Amino acid sequence: MTRNRFEQVNEVQPDAITLVLKRDNDGATGSVVMPAAASGGRLSNDQVSAALPAQDAFRGAIRLANDVKLAIVVWDPDGVWKSEWGELYRALD
Protein backbone atom coordinates (compact mmCIF):
# COMPACT_ATOMS: atom_id res chain seq x y z
CA MET A 1 0.00 0.00 0.00
CA THR A 2 1.34 3.42 -0.94
CA ARG A 3 1.83 5.83 1.93
CA ASN A 4 0.48 9.36 1.71
CA ARG A 5 3.14 12.03 1.19
CA PHE A 6 3.01 15.52 2.63
CA GLU A 7 5.34 18.41 1.85
CA GLN A 8 7.04 20.04 4.82
CA VAL A 9 7.16 23.84 4.66
CA ASN A 10 8.51 26.69 6.81
CA GLU A 11 5.44 28.93 6.78
CA VAL A 12 1.74 28.98 5.95
CA GLN A 13 1.23 28.53 2.20
CA PRO A 14 -1.33 30.63 0.26
CA ASP A 15 -2.30 27.81 -2.14
CA ALA A 16 -2.74 24.84 0.22
CA ILE A 17 -4.19 23.89 3.57
CA THR A 18 -1.41 24.18 6.13
CA LEU A 19 -1.31 21.83 9.10
CA VAL A 20 0.67 23.66 11.80
CA LEU A 21 2.11 21.32 14.42
CA LYS A 22 3.87 22.38 17.60
CA ARG A 23 4.91 21.19 21.01
CA ASP A 24 4.03 23.30 24.06
CA ASN A 25 2.93 22.94 27.68
CA ASP A 26 -0.20 21.11 26.51
CA GLY A 27 1.87 18.52 24.60
CA ALA A 28 1.71 18.06 20.83
CA THR A 29 -0.95 20.28 19.28
CA GLY A 30 -1.96 21.35 15.83
CA SER A 31 -4.11 23.83 14.00
CA VAL A 32 -5.38 23.97 10.44
CA VAL A 33 -5.06 27.06 8.24
CA MET A 34 -7.41 27.50 5.28
CA PRO A 35 -6.02 30.37 3.20
CA ALA A 36 -8.50 32.86 1.76
CA ALA A 37 -6.41 32.98 -1.43
CA ALA A 38 -7.17 29.32 -2.13
CA SER A 39 -10.87 29.48 -1.31
CA GLY A 40 -12.10 30.55 -4.72
CA GLY A 41 -13.55 33.75 -3.29
CA ARG A 42 -15.55 32.03 -0.54
CA LEU A 43 -13.38 33.50 2.26
CA SER A 44 -12.19 37.08 2.72
CA ASN A 45 -9.69 36.16 5.47
CA ASP A 46 -7.58 33.12 6.26
CA GLN A 47 -9.37 30.77 8.64
CA VAL A 48 -7.38 29.16 11.47
CA SER A 49 -8.77 26.40 13.66
CA ALA A 50 -8.37 26.32 17.41
CA ALA A 51 -5.44 24.32 18.75
CA LEU A 52 -6.32 20.62 18.94
CA PRO A 53 -4.41 17.50 19.87
CA ALA A 54 -2.01 16.90 16.96
CA GLN A 55 -3.75 13.76 15.67
CA ASP A 56 -7.15 15.47 15.72
CA ALA A 57 -5.75 18.44 13.79
CA PHE A 58 -4.23 16.03 11.25
CA ARG A 59 -7.58 14.28 10.78
CA GLY A 60 -9.37 17.63 10.48
CA ALA A 61 -6.92 18.79 7.82
CA ILE A 62 -7.54 15.59 5.83
CA ARG A 63 -11.33 16.06 6.01
CA LEU A 64 -11.10 19.71 4.97
CA ALA A 65 -8.70 18.97 2.12
CA ASN A 66 -11.03 16.29 0.79
CA ASP A 67 -14.03 18.63 1.04
CA VAL A 68 -12.42 21.61 -0.70
CA LYS A 69 -10.09 19.63 -3.00
CA LEU A 70 -6.83 21.25 -1.89
CA ALA A 71 -3.42 19.87 -1.05
CA ILE A 72 -2.14 19.74 2.52
CA VAL A 73 1.30 20.96 3.55
CA VAL A 74 2.83 20.61 7.01
CA TRP A 75 4.65 23.21 9.09
CA ASP A 76 6.29 21.23 11.89
CA PRO A 77 9.17 23.15 13.51
CA ASP A 78 9.07 21.02 16.67
CA GLY A 79 9.14 17.56 15.07
CA VAL A 80 5.65 16.47 16.11
CA TRP A 81 4.92 14.53 12.88
CA LYS A 82 4.27 10.78 13.33
CA SER A 83 5.47 8.41 10.64
CA GLU A 84 2.20 6.45 10.71
CA TRP A 85 0.47 9.54 9.25
CA GLY A 86 2.53 9.23 6.07
CA GLU A 87 5.79 10.43 4.60
CA LEU A 88 6.92 13.97 5.29
CA TYR A 89 9.31 15.37 2.68
CA ARG A 90 10.90 18.66 1.67
CA ALA A 91 10.65 19.81 -1.94
CA LEU A 92 13.92 20.65 -3.64
CA ASP A 93 14.19 24.27 -4.75
C-alpha atoms as a PDB file:
ATOM      1  CA  MET A   1       0.000   0.000   0.000  1.00  0.00           C
ATOM      2  CA  THR A   2       1.336   3.425  -0.940  1.00  0.00           C
ATOM      3  CA  ARG A   3       1.832   5.829   1.932  1.00  0.00           C
ATOM      4  CA  ASN A   4       0.481   9.363   1.714  1.00  0.00           C
ATOM      5  CA  ARG A   5       3.138  12.032   1.185  1.00  0.00           C
ATOM      6  CA  PHE A   6       3.013  15.522   2.633  1.00  0.00           C
ATOM      7  CA  GLU A   7       5.340  18.410   1.849  1.00  0.00           C
ATOM      8  CA  GLN A   8       7.044  20.036   4.823  1.00  0.00           C
ATOM      9  CA  VAL A   9       7.157  23.844   4.662  1.00  0.00           C
ATOM     10  CA  ASN A  10       8.512  26.688   6.815  1.00  0.00           C
ATOM     11  CA  GLU A  11       5.440  28.931   6.780  1.00  0.00           C
ATOM     12  CA  VAL A  12       1.744  28.983   5.949  1.00  0.00           C
ATOM     13  CA  GLN A  13       1.231  28.532   2.201  1.00  0.00           C
ATOM     14  CA  PRO A  14      -1.328  30.627   0.259  1.00  0.00           C
ATOM     15  CA  ASP A  15      -2.305  27.813  -2.137  1.00  0.00           C
ATOM     16  CA  ALA A  16      -2.744  24.842   0.217  1.00  0.00           C
ATOM     17  CA  ILE A  17      -4.188  23.891   3.568  1.00  0.00           C
ATOM     18  CA  THR A  18      -1.414  24.182   6.134  1.00  0.00           C
ATOM     19  CA  LEU A  19      -1.314  21.829   9.105  1.00  0.00           C
ATOM     20  CA  VAL A  20       0.675  23.663  11.799  1.00  0.00           C
ATOM     21  CA  LEU A  21       2.112  21.324  14.418  1.00  0.00           C
ATOM     22  CA  LYS A  22       3.869  22.380  17.603  1.00  0.00           C
ATOM     23  CA  ARG A  23       4.909  21.194  21.013  1.00  0.00           C
ATOM     24  CA  ASP A  24       4.031  23.305  24.057  1.00  0.00           C
ATOM     25  CA  ASN A  25       2.928  22.942  27.680  1.00  0.00           C
ATOM     26  CA  ASP A  26      -0.201  21.115  26.509  1.00  0.00           C
ATOM     27  CA  GLY A  27       1.869  18.524  24.596  1.00  0.00           C
ATOM     28  CA  ALA A  28       1.706  18.058  20.828  1.00  0.00           C
ATOM     29  CA  THR A  29      -0.954  20.283  19.282  1.00  0.00           C
ATOM     30  CA  GLY A  30      -1.964  21.346  15.827  1.00  0.00           C
ATOM     31  CA  SER A  31      -4.111  23.827  13.996  1.00  0.00           C
ATOM     32  CA  VAL A  32      -5.378  23.973  10.439  1.00  0.00           C
ATOM     33  CA  VAL A  33      -5.059  27.055   8.240  1.00  0.00           C
ATOM     34  CA  MET A  34      -7.409  27.495   5.282  1.00  0.00           C
ATOM     35  CA  PRO A  35      -6.019  30.368   3.199  1.00  0.00           C
ATOM     36  CA  ALA A  36      -8.496  32.855   1.755  1.00  0.00           C
ATOM     37  CA  ALA A  37      -6.414  32.985  -1.429  1.00  0.00           C
ATOM     38  CA  ALA A  38      -7.172  29.318  -2.128  1.00  0.00           C
ATOM     39  CA  SER A  39     -10.870  29.476  -1.306  1.00  0.00           C
ATOM     40  CA  GLY A  40     -12.104  30.545  -4.721  1.00  0.00           C
ATOM     41  CA  GLY A  41     -13.553  33.749  -3.292  1.00  0.00           C
ATOM     42  CA  ARG A  42     -15.549  32.027  -0.535  1.00  0.00           C
ATOM     43  CA  LEU A  43     -13.376  33.501   2.259  1.00  0.00           C
ATOM     44  CA  SER A  44     -12.190  37.078   2.719  1.00  0.00           C
ATOM     45  CA  ASN A  45      -9.690  36.164   5.472  1.00  0.00           C
ATOM     46  CA  ASP A  46      -7.578  33.115   6.264  1.00  0.00           C
ATOM     47  CA  GLN A  47      -9.370  30.767   8.638  1.00  0.00           C
ATOM     48  CA  VAL A  48      -7.376  29.155  11.473  1.00  0.00           C
ATOM     49  CA  SER A  49      -8.773  26.396  13.661  1.00  0.00           C
ATOM     50  CA  ALA A  50      -8.370  26.321  17.411  1.00  0.00           C
ATOM     51  CA  ALA A  51      -5.444  24.316  18.750  1.00  0.00           C
ATOM     52  CA  LEU A  52      -6.317  20.623  18.940  1.00  0.00           C
ATOM     53  CA  PRO A  53      -4.413  17.497  19.869  1.00  0.00           C
ATOM     54  CA  ALA A  54      -2.014  16.898  16.962  1.00  0.00           C
ATOM     55  CA  GLN A  55      -3.745  13.763  15.671  1.00  0.00           C
ATOM     56  CA  ASP A  56      -7.154  15.471  15.721  1.00  0.00           C
ATOM     57  CA  ALA A  57      -5.746  18.439  13.790  1.00  0.00           C
ATOM     58  CA  PHE A  58      -4.227  16.029  11.248  1.00  0.00           C
ATOM     59  CA  ARG A  59      -7.578  14.278  10.780  1.00  0.00           C
ATOM     60  CA  GLY A  60      -9.370  17.626  10.479  1.00  0.00           C
ATOM     61  CA  ALA A  61      -6.916  18.794   7.818  1.00  0.00           C
ATOM     62  CA  ILE A  62      -7.542  15.592   5.834  1.00  0.00           C
ATOM     63  CA  ARG A  63     -11.326  16.061   6.009  1.00  0.00           C
ATOM     64  CA  LEU A  64     -11.103  19.714   4.975  1.00  0.00           C
ATOM     65  CA  ALA A  65      -8.704  18.970   2.118  1.00  0.00           C
ATOM     66  CA  ASN A  66     -11.031  16.288   0.788  1.00  0.00           C
ATOM     67  CA  ASP A  67     -14.025  18.634   1.040  1.00  0.00           C
ATOM     68  CA  VAL A  68     -12.422  21.614  -0.702  1.00  0.00           C
ATOM     69  CA  LYS A  69     -10.094  19.628  -2.998  1.00  0.00           C
ATOM     70  CA  LEU A  70      -6.834  21.255  -1.890  1.00  0.00           C
ATOM     71  CA  ALA A  71      -3.421  19.867  -1.046  1.00  0.00           C
ATOM     72  CA  ILE A  72      -2.139  19.740   2.521  1.00  0.00           C
ATOM     73  CA  VAL A  73       1.299  20.965   3.553  1.00  0.00           C
ATOM     74  CA  VAL A  74       2.830  20.605   7.005  1.00  0.00           C
ATOM     75  CA  TRP A  75       4.652  23.206   9.087  1.00  0.00           C
ATOM     76  CA  ASP A  76       6.289  21.230  11.888  1.00  0.00           C
ATOM     77  CA  PRO A  77       9.165  23.155  13.506  1.00  0.00           C
ATOM     78  CA  ASP A  78       9.072  21.016  16.673  1.00  0.00           C
ATOM     79  CA  GLY A  79       9.144  17.558  15.067  1.00  0.00           C
ATOM     80  CA  VAL A  80       5.647  16.471  16.107  1.00  0.00           C
ATOM     81  CA  TRP A  81       4.917  14.525  12.875  1.00  0.00           C
ATOM     82  CA  LYS A  82       4.270  10.781  13.332  1.00  0.00           C
ATOM     83  CA  SER A  83       5.472   8.410  10.642  1.00  0.00           C
ATOM     84  CA  GLU A  84       2.202   6.454  10.711  1.00  0.00           C
ATOM     85  CA  TRP A  85       0.473   9.540   9.251  1.00  0.00           C
ATOM     86  CA  GLY A  86       2.532   9.232   6.071  1.00  0.00           C
ATOM     87  CA  GLU A  87       5.791  10.427   4.595  1.00  0.00           C
ATOM     88  CA  LEU A  88       6.916  13.975   5.291  1.00  0.00           C
ATOM     89  CA  TYR A  89       9.309  15.367   2.683  1.00  0.00           C
ATOM     90  CA  ARG A  90      10.897  18.660   1.670  1.00  0.00           C
ATOM     91  CA  ALA A  91      10.649  19.807  -1.937  1.00  0.00           C
ATOM     92  CA  LEU A  92      13.919  20.645  -3.636  1.00  0.00           C
ATOM     93  CA  ASP A  93      14.193  24.266  -4.748  1.00  0.00           C
END
